[in-house]
Amino acid sequence: MNRMVLEAVVVERGAMRYTPAGLPALELHLAHESMVTEAEQPRRAQLEMKAVGIGAMAEALSRFELGSTHQFAGFMTSQRNGRGLVFHVTELL
């Protein structure tokens, strides 16, 4: 199963673009920071990642202000160039 849920801050938002099929697409950079437990020890989890919304999700994400915090759900996949991962947001929680 490939499903991810993340509470994150919108730190960057690209311009709306359109896929070859004519669907709107919006790229974001999301940042997350929290405390988690690993091997019974507290650990600070911190990350920044690329994300994208396609179709109606792109339109919904375009209304989010920079610096705002939201809960996102979706799946992970490789970037087109094969370098790194991208989080495809499919749901807002």
C-alpha atoms as a PDB file:
ATOM      1  CA  MET A   1       0.000   0.000   0.000  1.00  0.00           C
ATOM      2  CA  ASN A   2       1.251   3.480  -0.847  1.00  0.00           C
ATOM      3  CA  ARG A   3      -0.589   6.021   1.330  1.00  0.00           C
ATOM      4  CA  MET A   4       0.813   8.917   3.285  1.00  0.00           C
ATOM      5  CA  VAL A   5      -0.832  11.334   5.701  1.00  0.00           C
ATOM      6  CA  LEU A   6       1.096  14.442   6.699  1.00  0.00           C
ATOM      7  CA  GLU A   7       0.405  17.626   8.630  1.00  0.00           C
ATOM      8  CA  ALA A   8       2.582  20.287   7.037  1.00  0.00           C
ATOM      9  CA  VAL A   9       3.085  23.977   6.357  1.00  0.00           C
ATOM     10  CA  VAL A  10       2.872  25.317   2.800  1.00  0.00           C
ATOM     11  CA  VAL A  11       6.277  26.993   2.332  1.00  0.00           C
ATOM     12  CA  GLU A  12       6.248  27.489  -1.443  1.00  0.00           C
ATOM     13  CA  ARG A  13       3.611  27.374  -4.159  1.00  0.00           C
ATOM     14  CA  GLY A  14       4.286  27.280  -7.882  1.00  0.00           C
ATOM     15  CA  ALA A  15       2.172  28.742 -10.664  1.00  0.00           C
ATOM     16  CA  MET A  16      -0.792  26.767 -11.934  1.00  0.00           C
ATOM     17  CA  ARG A  17       0.132  24.746 -15.010  1.00  0.00           C
ATOM     18  CA  TYR A  18      -1.755  22.226 -17.127  1.00  0.00           C
ATOM     19  CA  THR A  19      -0.959  18.620 -17.967  1.00  0.00           C
ATOM     20  CA  PRO A  20      -0.962  17.430 -21.608  1.00  0.00           C
ATOM     21  CA  ALA A  21      -4.481  16.114 -20.879  1.00  0.00           C
ATOM     22  CA  GLY A  22      -5.558  19.639 -19.918  1.00  0.00           C
ATOM     23  CA  LEU A  23      -5.831  19.045 -16.158  1.00  0.00           C
ATOM     24  CA  PRO A  24      -4.662  21.792 -13.794  1.00  0.00           C
ATOM     25  CA  ALA A  25      -1.525  20.907 -11.796  1.00  0.00           C
ATOM     26  CA  LEU A  26       0.031  22.800  -8.895  1.00  0.00           C
ATOM     27  CA  GLU A  27       3.410  22.110  -7.298  1.00  0.00           C
ATOM     28  CA  LEU A  28       4.063  22.905  -3.632  1.00  0.00           C
ATOM     29  CA  HIS A  29       6.843  22.579  -1.107  1.00  0.00           C
ATOM     30  CA  LEU A  30       5.638  21.366   2.265  1.00  0.00           C
ATOM     31  CA  ALA A  31       7.502  21.466   5.587  1.00  0.00           C
ATOM     32  CA  HIS A  32       6.848  19.286   8.626  1.00  0.00           C
ATOM     33  CA  GLU A  33       8.312  19.188  12.129  1.00  0.00           C
ATOM     34  CA  SER A  34       7.242  17.014  15.064  1.00  0.00           C
ATOM     35  CA  MET A  35       8.440  14.789  17.889  1.00  0.00           C
ATOM     36  CA  VAL A  36       8.093  11.040  17.346  1.00  0.00           C
ATOM     37  CA  THR A  37       9.158   7.932  19.241  1.00  0.00           C
ATOM     38  CA  GLU A  38      11.665   5.545  17.714  1.00  0.00           C
ATOM     39  CA  ALA A  39      13.161   2.592  19.623  1.00  0.00           C
ATOM     40  CA  GLU A  40      11.442   3.957  22.737  1.00  0.00           C
ATOM     41  CA  GLN A  41      13.345   7.231  22.422  1.00  0.00           C
ATOM     42  CA  PRO A  42      12.002  10.671  21.470  1.00  0.00           C
ATOM     43  CA  ARG A  43      13.203  11.937  18.126  1.00  0.00           C
ATOM     44  CA  ARG A  44      12.642  15.180  16.262  1.00  0.00           C
ATOM     45  CA  ALA A  45      11.269  14.538  12.774  1.00  0.00           C
ATOM     46  CA  GLN A  46      11.835  17.365  10.314  1.00  0.00           C
ATOM     47  CA  LEU A  47      11.446  17.405   6.533  1.00  0.00           C
ATOM     48  CA  GLU A  48      10.693  19.506   3.493  1.00  0.00           C
ATOM     49  CA  MET A  49       9.269  17.845   0.414  1.00  0.00           C
ATOM     50  CA  LYS A  50       7.861  18.477  -3.028  1.00  0.00           C
ATOM     51  CA  ALA A  51       4.144  17.897  -3.487  1.00  0.00           C
ATOM     52  CA  VAL A  52       1.704  18.190  -6.364  1.00  0.00           C
ATOM     53  CA  GLY A  53      -2.052  18.361  -6.742  1.00  0.00           C
ATOM     54  CA  ILE A  54      -3.820  17.480 -10.000  1.00  0.00           C
ATOM     55  CA  GLY A  55      -7.308  18.473 -11.181  1.00  0.00           C
ATOM     56  CA  ALA A  56      -9.734  19.776  -8.563  1.00  0.00           C
ATOM     57  CA  MET A  57      -7.064  19.242  -5.883  1.00  0.00           C
ATOM     58  CA  ALA A  58      -4.762  21.716  -7.671  1.00  0.00           C
ATOM     59  CA  GLU A  59      -7.517  24.315  -7.557  1.00  0.00           C
ATOM     60  CA  ALA A  60      -8.138  23.688  -3.841  1.00  0.00           C
ATOM     61  CA  LEU A  61      -4.403  23.896  -3.029  1.00  0.00           C
ATOM     62  CA  SER A  62      -4.061  27.168  -4.964  1.00  0.00           C
ATOM     63  CA  ARG A  63      -6.239  28.860  -2.326  1.00  0.00           C
ATOM     64  CA  PHE A  64      -3.906  27.942   0.565  1.00  0.00           C
ATOM     65  CA  GLU A  65      -1.826  30.805   1.926  1.00  0.00           C
ATOM     66  CA  LEU A  66       1.918  30.456   2.353  1.00  0.00           C
ATOM     67  CA  GLY A  67       2.690  29.624   5.969  1.00  0.00           C
ATOM     68  CA  SER A  68      -0.657  27.917   6.554  1.00  0.00           C
ATOM     69  CA  THR A  69      -0.790  24.437   8.117  1.00  0.00           C
ATOM     70  CA  HIS A  70      -2.994  21.666   6.720  1.00  0.00           C
ATOM     71  CA  GLN A  71      -3.390  17.894   6.809  1.00  0.00           C
ATOM     72  CA  PHE A  72      -2.706  16.219   3.471  1.00  0.00           C
ATOM     73  CA  ALA A  73      -3.186  12.623   2.297  1.00  0.00           C
ATOM     74  CA  GLY A  74      -2.011  10.976  -0.889  1.00  0.00           C
ATOM     75  CA  PHE A  75       0.732   8.779  -2.301  1.00  0.00           C
ATOM     76  CA  MET A  76       4.447   8.939  -3.055  1.00  0.00           C
ATOM     77  CA  THR A  77       6.090   8.425  -6.437  1.00  0.00           C
ATOM     78  CA  SER A  78       9.388   9.143  -8.181  1.00  0.00           C
ATOM     79  CA  GLN A  79       9.878  12.450  -9.925  1.00  0.00           C
ATOM     80  CA  ARG A  80       9.884  12.341 -13.705  1.00  0.00           C
ATOM     81  CA  ASN A  81      13.665  12.780 -13.828  1.00  0.00           C
ATOM     82  CA  GLY A  82      14.088   9.904 -11.364  1.00  0.00           C
ATOM     83  CA  ARG A  83      15.779  12.124  -8.781  1.00  0.00           C
ATOM     84  CA  GLY A  84      13.891  12.127  -5.536  1.00  0.00           C
ATOM     85  CA  LEU A  85      10.269  11.659  -4.570  1.00  0.00           C
ATOM     86  CA  VAL A  86       7.102  13.703  -4.902  1.00  0.00           C
ATOM     87  CA  PHE A  87       3.989  13.545  -2.721  1.00  0.00           C
ATOM     88  CA  HIS A  88       0.791  13.501  -4.812  1.00  0.00           C
ATOM     89  CA  VAL A  89      -1.919  15.091  -2.672  1.00  0.00           C
ATOM     90  CA  THR A  90      -5.276  13.449  -3.317  1.00  0.00           C
ATOM     91  CA  GLU A  91      -7.185  14.388  -0.172  1.00  0.00           C
ATOM     92  CA  LEU A  92      -7.372  17.151   2.430  1.00  0.00           C
ATOM     93  CA  LEU A  93      -8.189  16.019   5.955  1.00  0.00           C
END
